[in-house]
Protein backbone atom coordinates (compact mmCIF):
# COMPACT_ATOMS: atom_id res chain seq x y z
CA MET A 1 -19.15 5.28 5.15
CA LYS A 2 -21.49 5.80 7.86
CA ARG A 3 -20.09 3.06 9.59
CA PHE A 4 -16.79 4.34 9.56
CA SER A 5 -17.63 7.84 10.54
CA SER A 6 -19.55 6.77 13.66
CA SER A 7 -16.49 6.20 15.88
CA ASN A 8 -12.45 6.54 15.71
CA GLU A 9 -12.02 3.13 17.24
CA PHE A 10 -13.46 -0.30 16.28
CA GLN A 11 -12.81 -3.61 18.19
CA ASP A 12 -14.25 -6.79 17.72
CA MET A 13 -16.38 -5.91 14.75
CA THR A 14 -17.35 -7.49 11.43
CA PHE A 15 -17.92 -5.53 8.33
CA ASP A 16 -19.68 -7.18 5.61
CA LYS A 17 -19.85 -5.72 2.15
CA ALA A 18 -18.84 -2.21 3.12
CA ASP A 19 -18.27 -0.13 0.23
CA PRO A 20 -16.28 3.26 0.90
CA GLU A 21 -14.93 3.18 -2.45
CA ASN A 22 -13.22 6.62 -3.19
CA GLN A 23 -13.71 7.74 0.50
CA LYS A 24 -11.28 9.05 3.09
CA ILE A 25 -11.34 6.72 6.19
CA ALA A 26 -8.50 8.58 8.21
CA ASN A 27 -7.12 8.52 11.75
CA LYS A 28 -9.32 5.27 12.65
CA LEU A 29 -8.16 2.68 14.91
CA PHE A 30 -9.27 -1.14 13.96
CA PHE A 31 -8.59 -3.94 16.69
CA ASP A 32 -9.41 -7.61 16.06
CA CYS A 33 -11.80 -6.54 13.25
CA GLU A 34 -13.04 -8.78 10.23
CA PHE A 35 -13.73 -7.32 7.07
CA GLN A 36 -15.64 -9.48 4.32
CA ASN A 37 -16.55 -8.76 0.65
CA CYS A 38 -15.57 -5.11 1.10
CA ASN A 39 -14.45 -2.61 -1.62
CA PHE A 40 -11.99 -0.43 -0.41
CA SER A 41 -10.77 0.78 -3.98
CA TYR A 42 -9.33 4.18 -4.09
CA THR A 43 -10.25 4.39 -0.40
CA ASP A 44 -7.70 6.53 1.67
CA PHE A 45 -6.82 5.09 5.03
CA GLU A 46 -4.24 7.86 6.00
CA SER A 47 -2.92 7.68 9.69
CA SER A 48 -5.03 4.57 10.45
CA LEU A 49 -4.23 1.50 12.45
CA PHE A 50 -5.31 -2.15 11.62
CA GLU A 51 -4.17 -4.62 14.20
CA ASP A 52 -4.95 -8.23 14.18
CA CYS A 53 -7.51 -7.81 11.56
CA SER A 54 -8.79 -10.17 8.78
CA PHE A 55 -9.75 -9.17 5.27
CA TYR A 56 -11.60 -11.68 3.02
CA ASN A 57 -12.56 -11.19 -0.43
CA CYS A 58 -11.72 -7.48 -0.20
CA ASN A 59 -10.58 -5.00 -3.10
CA PHE A 60 -7.89 -2.86 -2.31
CA SER A 61 -7.06 -1.36 -5.97
CA LEU A 62 -5.32 1.92 -5.50
CA SER A 63 -6.04 2.26 -1.77
CA GLY A 64 -3.92 5.01 0.04
CA LEU A 65 -2.05 3.81 2.98
CA LEU A 66 -0.01 6.76 4.11
CA ASN A 67 1.37 6.68 7.64
CA THR A 68 -0.93 3.45 8.32
CA GLN A 69 -0.02 0.83 10.78
CA ILE A 70 -0.49 -2.66 9.73
CA ARG A 71 0.12 -5.12 12.59
CA GLY A 72 -0.88 -8.84 12.57
CA VAL A 73 -3.23 -8.47 9.44
CA VAL A 74 -4.30 -11.36 7.22
CA PHE A 75 -5.45 -10.90 3.79
CA THR A 76 -7.06 -13.65 2.11
CA ASN A 77 -8.39 -14.01 -1.43
CA CYS A 78 -8.09 -10.18 -1.56
CA LYS A 79 -7.43 -8.04 -4.83
CA ILE A 80 -4.36 -5.71 -3.82
CA MET A 81 -3.37 -3.27 -6.98
CA GLY A 82 -1.09 -0.35 -7.04
CA ILE A 83 -0.38 0.01 -3.53
CA ASP A 84 3.05 1.55 -2.32
CA PHE A 85 3.55 -0.17 1.09
CA THR A 86 6.61 1.99 1.89
CA LYS A 87 4.17 4.75 2.57
CA CYS A 88 2.71 2.74 5.53
CA ASP A 89 4.21 3.40 8.87
CA THR A 90 6.84 0.54 8.33
CA LEU A 91 8.11 0.33 12.17
CA MET A 92 6.13 -2.64 13.01
CA ILE A 93 4.53 -3.64 9.53
CA ASP A 94 3.32 -7.47 9.73
CA PHE A 95 0.84 -8.84 7.34
CA SER A 96 0.19 -12.19 5.49
CA LEU A 97 -1.30 -12.64 2.10
CA GLU A 98 -3.09 -16.00 1.44
CA GLU A 99 -4.47 -16.83 -2.19
CA CYS A 100 -4.43 -13.05 -3.12
CA ASN A 101 -4.17 -11.32 -6.52
CA VAL A 102 -1.47 -8.44 -5.90
CA LYS A 103 -0.24 -6.32 -8.92
CA SER A 104 2.02 -3.35 -9.39
CA CYS A 105 2.76 -3.03 -5.64
CA ILE A 106 5.88 -1.71 -4.02
CA PHE A 107 7.50 -3.65 -1.11
CA SER A 108 10.99 -2.10 -1.58
CA SER A 109 13.14 -1.72 1.47
CA LEU A 110 10.59 -3.05 3.80
CA THR A 111 11.56 -5.51 6.58
CA LEU A 112 9.02 -8.46 6.02
CA LYS A 113 10.68 -11.20 8.02
CA LYS A 114 8.51 -14.39 8.27
CA CYS A 115 5.55 -12.47 6.64
CA SER A 116 3.69 -14.96 4.39
CA LEU A 117 3.24 -14.50 0.81
CA TYR A 118 1.35 -17.69 0.39
CA LYS A 119 -0.37 -19.03 -2.83
CA SER A 120 -0.75 -15.78 -4.21
CA ALA A 121 -0.12 -14.08 -7.58
CA LEU A 122 2.48 -11.24 -7.17
CA ILE A 123 2.47 -9.86 -10.35
CA GLU A 124 5.21 -7.00 -11.38
CA CYS A 125 5.74 -6.08 -7.65
CA ASP A 126 8.81 -4.45 -6.41
CA PHE A 127 11.04 -6.31 -3.75
CA VAL A 128 14.03 -4.39 -4.05
CA ASN A 129 16.36 -4.46 -0.80
CA THR A 130 13.29 -5.90 0.83
CA ASP A 131 14.12 -8.33 3.84
CA ARG A 132 12.10 -11.61 3.05
CA SER A 133 14.20 -13.67 5.44
CA GLU A 134 12.44 -16.85 6.75
CA ALA A 135 9.28 -15.98 4.71
CA ASN A 136 6.72 -18.46 3.30
CA MET A 137 6.47 -17.44 -0.14
CA SER A 138 5.46 -20.79 -1.52
CA LYS A 139 2.95 -21.96 -4.42
CA SER A 140 3.12 -18.03 -5.42
CA ASP A 141 3.38 -16.52 -8.94
CA PHE A 142 6.13 -13.73 -9.18
CA SER A 143 5.63 -12.88 -12.99
CA GLY A 144 7.52 -9.52 -13.83
CA SER A 145 8.35 -9.09 -10.21
CA LEU A 146 11.68 -7.42 -9.20
CA PHE A 147 14.34 -9.10 -6.85
CA HIS A 148 17.51 -7.16 -6.46
CA ASN A 149 19.57 -6.98 -3.06
CA THR A 150 16.60 -8.88 -1.48
CA ASN A 151 17.24 -11.03 1.40
CA LEU A 152 15.68 -14.32 0.94
CA PHE A 153 17.77 -16.13 3.85
CA LYS A 154 15.88 -19.15 4.53
CA ALA A 155 12.66 -18.21 2.62
CA ASP A 156 10.42 -20.87 1.32
CA LEU A 157 10.08 -20.54 -2.50
CA THR A 158 9.00 -24.10 -3.02
CA ASN A 159 6.60 -24.63 -5.79
CA CYS A 160 6.66 -20.88 -6.78
CA THR A 161 6.79 -19.89 -10.54
CA ASN A 162 7.84 -17.24 -12.90
CA TYR A 163 10.44 -15.56 -10.55
CA THR A 164 13.79 -14.27 -12.05
CA ILE A 165 16.06 -14.22 -8.98
CA ASP A 166 19.84 -13.65 -9.45
CA PRO A 167 21.73 -15.39 -6.90
CA LEU A 168 24.69 -13.03 -7.19
CA LYS A 169 22.45 -10.16 -6.54
CA ASN A 170 20.36 -11.54 -3.77
CA ASN A 171 21.00 -13.52 -0.62
CA ILE A 172 19.43 -16.86 -1.39
CA ARG A 173 21.39 -18.74 1.10
CA LYS A 174 19.48 -21.62 2.83
CA ALA A 175 16.32 -20.61 0.90
CA GLU A 176 14.24 -23.77 -0.49
CA PHE A 177 13.28 -23.80 -4.22
CA SER A 178 11.60 -26.54 -6.35
CA LEU A 179 12.54 -28.14 -9.68
CA PRO A 180 12.45 -27.57 -12.46
CA GLU A 181 11.67 -23.54 -11.92
CA ALA A 182 14.90 -23.49 -9.38
CA LEU A 183 16.97 -23.93 -12.77
CA THR A 184 16.12 -20.33 -13.52
CA LEU A 185 18.58 -19.45 -11.00
CA LEU A 186 21.32 -20.35 -13.27
CA ASN A 187 20.37 -17.89 -15.77
CA ALA A 188 22.74 -15.27 -14.23
CA PHE A 189 25.66 -17.53 -15.09
CA GLU A 190 24.96 -17.30 -18.88
CA ILE A 191 25.46 -21.30 -19.23
CA LYS A 192 23.74 -23.68 -21.11
CA ILE A 193 22.22 -26.63 -19.82
CA GLU A 194 21.45 -29.55 -22.15
C-alpha cells in the first residue's frame, strides 16, 4: 500500500506483485502504467483514473470502481469477478479483455463499441442494453451471460461458445458467428432441426 500512498499521480511506472487487497486507493491518477501479478481483490479504486494502462495476471475479485475512469486499458489473463462496471465513470469507458476469467460482472447499458473481449470466459455476465457494435468477442465463452436489447451490429462472435442470443430481442445484423454454435440463434423460433 505504501507504493500507492506515496503520490496521487503515477506515470510510466511498473507495479509487480502489489497486494493492496481490501484497501482503498482513491483519487489516484495512473498514466501508461503496467501492473503485473497484482492482487486487487476487494480493493476500492473510487474516483481514480487509469489511462493507457496494462494489467497482466491481476486479480480484481469484488474490486470497487465507483466513479473510476478507464480509458485505453488492456486486461490480459486477469481474474475479474463481481464487478459492476456501470458504477465507473462511463463517459469515455474503453478497455479490452484478452484471455481473462470474468464472472458475474455487470456491463448493462454501457457503450463498449469496438472494445475487445477476446478469448475470455465471460460467465454469468450482464450485457442487457449494451452497445457492443463492431466489437471483437471471438473465441470467448458466454456461459450463463444475459443478452437482451444488446447491439451486436458487426460484432465478431466467431468461435464463441455457450451463448444464448435471441435474434428477435438483440441487434445481430452483420454480426459474424461460427457453426455449429450459430444454430443456437434459431432457438427463439421454436423450430426443430433434424
